[in-house]
Protein backbone atom coordinates (compact mmCIF):
# COMPACT_ATOMS: atom_id res chain seq x y z
CA UNK A 1 -0.04 0.21 0.13
CA UNK A 2 1.24 3.55 -0.80
CA UNK A 3 -0.19 6.85 0.97
CA UNK A 4 0.04 10.65 -1.38
CA UNK A 5 -0.65 13.59 0.85
CA UNK A 6 -1.96 15.69 -1.47
CA UNK A 7 -3.55 19.77 -1.24
CA UNK A 8 -7.05 20.41 -0.58
CA UNK A 9 -6.80 23.72 -0.77
CA UNK A 10 -5.43 26.71 2.14
CA UNK A 11 -6.90 28.82 4.45
CA UNK A 12 -6.62 31.52 7.01
CA UNK A 13 -7.73 31.38 10.39
CA UNK A 14 -7.36 33.27 13.09
CA UNK A 15 -4.31 32.16 15.34
CA UNK A 16 -6.19 32.08 18.53
CA UNK A 17 -8.75 29.42 17.57
CA UNK A 18 -5.82 27.05 18.22
CA UNK A 19 -3.11 29.18 20.39
CA UNK A 20 -4.42 30.46 23.18
CA UNK A 21 -1.66 32.68 23.88
CA UNK A 22 -1.57 34.47 20.60
CA UNK A 23 -2.24 37.97 19.82
CA UNK A 24 -5.79 39.06 19.43
CA UNK A 25 -6.78 39.41 15.69
CA UNK A 26 -3.17 37.88 14.96
CA UNK A 27 -3.89 35.64 11.89
CA UNK A 28 -2.34 31.96 10.72
CA UNK A 29 -2.45 30.23 7.69
CA UNK A 30 -3.78 26.26 7.45
CA UNK A 31 -3.14 23.64 4.99
CA UNK A 32 -5.61 21.57 3.67
CA UNK A 33 -4.92 17.98 3.16
CA UNK A 34 -6.22 14.90 1.83
CA UNK A 35 -4.42 11.35 1.73
CA UNK A 36 -4.82 9.15 -0.84
CA UNK A 37 -4.19 5.60 -0.15
CA UNK A 38 -3.71 3.24 -2.90
CA UNK A 39 -4.10 0.04 -0.89
CA UNK A 40 -4.73 -3.36 -3.11
CA UNK A 41 -8.36 -3.83 -2.84
CA UNK A 42 -9.22 -0.24 -4.13
CA UNK A 43 -8.31 3.47 -4.01
CA UNK A 44 -8.73 5.43 -0.63
CA UNK A 45 -9.15 9.06 -0.01
CA UNK A 46 -9.43 9.97 3.00
CA UNK A 47 -10.97 13.94 3.27
CA UNK A 48 -11.18 15.66 -0.23
CA UNK A 49 -10.89 18.94 1.17
CA UNK A 50 -12.51 22.31 0.21
CA UNK A 51 -14.60 22.75 -3.12
CA UNK A 52 -13.48 24.65 -6.10
CA UNK A 53 -15.78 27.26 -5.79
CA UNK A 54 -14.61 28.63 -2.40
CA UNK A 55 -11.04 29.51 -4.38
CA UNK A 56 -13.35 31.42 -6.67
CA UNK A 57 -16.54 32.70 -4.95
CA UNK A 58 -15.82 31.85 -0.88
CA UNK A 59 -18.96 33.99 0.48
CA UNK A 60 -20.92 32.20 -2.36
CA UNK A 61 -19.92 28.72 -1.03
CA UNK A 62 -19.53 29.36 2.76
CA UNK A 63 -21.89 32.29 3.02
CA UNK A 64 -20.55 33.62 6.48
CA UNK A 65 -18.66 30.75 7.43
CA UNK A 66 -15.75 32.59 5.18
CA UNK A 67 -15.11 35.48 7.55
CA UNK A 68 -13.62 32.90 9.91
CA UNK A 69 -12.02 30.74 7.78
CA UNK A 70 -10.42 32.55 5.08
CA UNK A 71 -10.09 30.88 1.55
CA UNK A 72 -6.41 31.52 0.26
CA UNK A 73 -5.36 29.31 -1.65
CA UNK A 74 -5.44 30.26 -5.61
CA UNK A 75 -8.24 28.35 -8.57
CA UNK A 76 -7.22 24.81 -9.17
CA UNK A 77 -5.68 24.53 -5.57
CA UNK A 78 -8.16 21.78 -4.54
CA UNK A 79 -7.98 17.75 -4.70
CA UNK A 80 -9.67 17.16 -7.83
CA UNK A 81 -5.80 18.65 -9.96
CA UNK A 82 -3.58 16.67 -7.65
CA UNK A 83 -4.97 13.50 -8.07
CA UNK A 84 -4.44 14.01 -11.36
CA UNK A 85 -0.99 14.76 -10.58
CA UNK A 86 -0.74 11.18 -9.45
CA UNK A 87 -2.70 10.38 -12.53
CA UNK A 88 -5.98 9.57 -11.50
CA UNK A 89 -9.31 11.31 -11.54
CA UNK A 90 -12.24 10.94 -9.56
CA UNK A 91 -13.98 7.49 -10.87
CA UNK A 92 -10.97 5.61 -10.35
CA UNK A 93 -11.89 6.52 -6.36
CA UNK A 94 -13.98 3.08 -4.64
CA UNK A 95 -13.57 4.77 -1.21
CA UNK A 96 -13.83 8.05 0.43
CA UNK A 97 -13.43 8.28 3.98
CA UNK A 98 -15.08 11.68 5.58
CA UNK A 99 -13.59 12.28 8.93
CA UNK A 100 -16.03 14.53 9.64
CA UNK A 101 -18.81 16.54 7.51
CA UNK A 102 -17.54 19.99 7.79
CA UNK A 103 -16.99 21.90 4.89
CA UNK A 104 -12.56 22.25 4.45
CA UNK A 105 -12.98 18.02 4.85
CA UNK A 106 -15.85 16.86 2.35
CA UNK A 107 -15.69 19.77 -0.08
CA UNK A 108 -15.60 17.92 -2.85
CA UNK A 109 -17.83 14.71 -2.00
CA UNK A 110 -20.03 15.15 -5.07
CA UNK A 111 -17.45 14.18 -7.51
CA UNK A 112 -16.44 10.82 -6.46
CA UNK A 113 -20.01 8.92 -7.30
CA UNK A 114 -18.08 5.85 -8.04
CA UNK A 115 -16.88 5.46 -4.74
CA UNK A 116 -18.95 4.35 -1.00
CA UNK A 117 -18.84 7.39 1.60
CA UNK A 118 -17.37 5.86 4.92
CA UNK A 119 -19.12 8.41 7.58
CA UNK A 120 -19.61 7.88 11.09
CA UNK A 121 -23.22 8.14 12.21
CA UNK A 122 -23.72 10.95 14.77
CA UNK A 123 -21.72 13.12 11.76
CA UNK A 124 -24.87 12.44 9.67
CA UNK A 125 -26.72 13.54 13.20
CA UNK A 126 -24.91 17.04 13.42
CA UNK A 127 -25.06 17.85 10.08
CA UNK A 128 -28.92 17.57 9.70
CA UNK A 129 -29.33 19.49 13.00
CA UNK A 130 -30.75 22.68 13.25
CA UNK A 131 -27.50 24.52 14.38
CA UNK A 132 -25.35 22.48 11.41
CA UNK A 133 -24.62 25.55 9.78
CA UNK A 134 -23.18 27.77 12.48
CA UNK A 135 -21.06 24.53 13.40
CA UNK A 136 -19.06 24.38 10.15
CA UNK A 137 -21.49 21.78 8.30
CA UNK A 138 -22.69 23.41 4.30
CA UNK A 139 -25.38 20.76 3.07
CA UNK A 140 -23.89 21.07 -0.46
CA UNK A 141 -21.56 19.84 0.98
CA UNK A 142 -22.72 16.35 1.75
CA UNK A 143 -26.10 15.74 0.79
CA UNK A 144 -25.53 13.85 -2.00
CA UNK A 145 -27.30 10.50 -3.53
CA UNK A 146 -23.71 8.87 -3.10
CA UNK A 147 -23.22 5.35 -1.18
CA UNK A 148 -22.98 5.94 2.20
CA UNK A 149 -21.39 3.14 5.06
CA UNK A 150 -22.05 4.48 8.19
CA UNK A 151 -19.64 3.52 11.13
CA UNK A 152 -20.24 4.31 14.42
CA UNK A 153 -17.03 2.11 16.14
CA UNK A 154 -13.74 0.93 15.13
CA UNK A 155 -13.38 -0.37 12.06
CA UNK A 156 -11.58 -2.77 9.44
CA UNK A 157 -12.09 -1.16 6.25
CA UNK A 158 -11.05 -4.08 4.68
CA UNK A 159 -10.26 -6.65 6.84
CA UNK A 160 -6.52 -6.99 6.55
CA UNK A 161 -5.22 -4.45 9.32
CA UNK A 162 -4.09 -1.60 6.86
CA UNK A 163 -6.40 0.74 7.28
CA UNK A 164 -8.52 0.95 10.69
CA UNK A 165 -10.74 3.53 11.58
CA UNK A 166 -10.73 4.90 14.93
CA UNK A 167 -13.11 7.11 16.71
CA UNK A 168 -11.68 10.30 18.21
CA UNK A 169 -14.60 12.17 19.35
CA UNK A 170 -14.32 16.24 20.44
CA UNK A 171 -13.86 18.49 17.93
CA UNK A 172 -17.07 17.53 16.68
CA UNK A 173 -19.42 13.95 17.36
CA UNK A 174 -18.22 11.63 15.13
CA UNK A 175 -14.64 13.22 14.03
CA UNK A 176 -12.73 9.70 13.02
CA UNK A 177 -8.85 9.19 12.10
CA UNK A 178 -7.61 6.52 10.39
CA UNK A 179 -5.00 4.09 11.27
CA UNK A 180 -2.49 3.53 8.53
CA UNK A 181 0.09 0.64 8.46
CA UNK A 182 2.53 0.43 5.43
CA UNK A 183 5.51 -2.16 4.68
CA UNK A 184 8.08 0.54 5.07
CA UNK A 185 7.24 3.58 6.32
CA UNK A 186 6.04 2.55 9.22
CA UNK A 187 2.19 3.22 11.30
CA UNK A 188 0.71 6.42 10.49
CA UNK A 189 -2.28 8.26 12.77
CA UNK A 190 -4.61 10.73 10.20
CA UNK A 191 -5.76 12.94 13.19
CA UNK A 192 -7.53 14.98 11.37
CA UNK A 193 -9.60 17.72 13.56
CA UNK A 194 -8.74 15.61 16.76
CA UNK A 195 -5.49 17.21 16.18
CA UNK A 196 -5.26 20.08 14.00
CA UNK A 197 -1.97 21.11 15.23
CA UNK A 198 0.75 19.94 16.58
CA UNK A 199 0.87 22.36 19.53
CA UNK A 200 -2.32 20.79 21.09
CA UNK A 201 -0.91 17.78 21.96
CA UNK A 202 2.47 18.61 23.05
CA UNK A 203 0.97 21.33 25.58
CA UNK A 204 -2.13 19.64 26.21
CA UNK A 205 -4.35 22.64 25.22
CA UNK A 206 -8.13 22.48 23.79
CA UNK A 207 -9.03 24.71 20.68
CA UNK A 208 -11.93 27.16 20.48
CA UNK A 209 -13.17 25.52 18.06
CA UNK A 210 -14.22 22.17 19.76
CA UNK A 211 -17.64 21.08 20.62
CA UNK A 212 -17.06 19.10 23.65
CA UNK A 213 -13.39 20.12 25.41
CA UNK A 214 -13.80 16.20 27.77
CA UNK A 215 -13.99 14.29 24.90
CA UNK A 216 -11.59 16.14 22.87
CA UNK A 217 -9.36 15.86 26.04
CA UNK A 218 -9.89 11.75 25.73
CA UNK A 219 -9.03 11.67 21.99
CA UNK A 220 -5.96 13.45 23.05
CA UNK A 221 -4.98 11.17 24.80
CA UNK A 222 -5.75 8.17 23.12
CA UNK A 223 -3.43 10.09 20.08
CA UNK A 224 -0.59 10.07 22.57
CA UNK A 225 -0.58 6.68 23.24
CA UNK A 226 -0.99 6.02 19.84
CA UNK A 227 2.88 8.00 19.22
CA UNK A 228 4.17 6.57 22.22
CA UNK A 229 3.57 2.81 20.46
CA UNK A 230 5.58 4.32 17.39
CA UNK A 231 2.95 5.59 15.66
CA UNK A 232 3.41 8.76 13.31
CA UNK A 233 0.86 11.25 14.08
CA UNK A 234 -0.40 13.31 10.91
CA UNK A 235 -2.27 16.79 11.88
CA UNK A 236 -4.83 17.78 10.08
CA UNK A 237 -4.01 21.70 9.38
CA UNK A 238 -0.48 21.71 11.14
CA UNK A 239 1.41 23.86 8.56
CA UNK A 240 5.25 23.20 9.95
CA UNK A 241 4.51 19.67 9.27
CA UNK A 242 2.72 20.26 6.20
CA UNK A 243 5.58 21.46 4.83
CA UNK A 244 7.73 18.43 5.51
CA UNK A 245 6.15 16.12 4.88
CA UNK A 246 6.36 14.55 1.49
CA UNK A 247 3.58 15.48 -1.17
CA UNK A 248 1.92 14.59 -4.27
CA UNK A 249 3.78 11.79 -6.06
CA UNK A 250 5.99 11.09 -3.35
CA UNK A 251 4.70 8.30 -1.88
CA UNK A 252 5.14 6.69 1.56
CA UNK A 253 5.28 3.27 1.30
């Protein structure tokens, strides 16, 4: 199995969202990553990033959310073009794993019409709630006639131990990470927003955009245990880490 780190866009947000000691009004940039896994039984995409329209007209796509997560990527910087760079298109993807249904993680779901979409049951519930938009859910991102595989527990996607979904709630009700086992590069946890930036693990701090702080800290403890056991953690939006990762055609194997 091979793992490719792909770009799903780029955002600018208030730094105090993740760093409690940041100056008021200070901003910082966040990469939006998507992970392609080339498994012997099919191509898997972990998260689909921002919709292409976000770079062209963010207010039209995101509404008032654009004020809090300002897209700064050029047109064309999304997962569809990232896949083309490794020789694939949307129809080549067999499985899409939604870590959760916030707009910067599932914006391109609609393009993967031949894929089975894995998503936690609690994310479907949250995305349908009356306050969904205020919590970062946009119906146009996820509400499509796609084939869904609803999960509510740890799930071995292919039954061979190479790709296991692990519930890591707290940021949202159904936030889900993926434990990836590669032959040469070792084990990785795709943490998504269970750990958006490394500093939250190192300092055991809770981001301001956390739904449930207690659950978040429990998930953080689980992440720490995995790291102590030798698992490499890939954060959801850590710019310094992202800069050091192999990306595009340069795969982990």
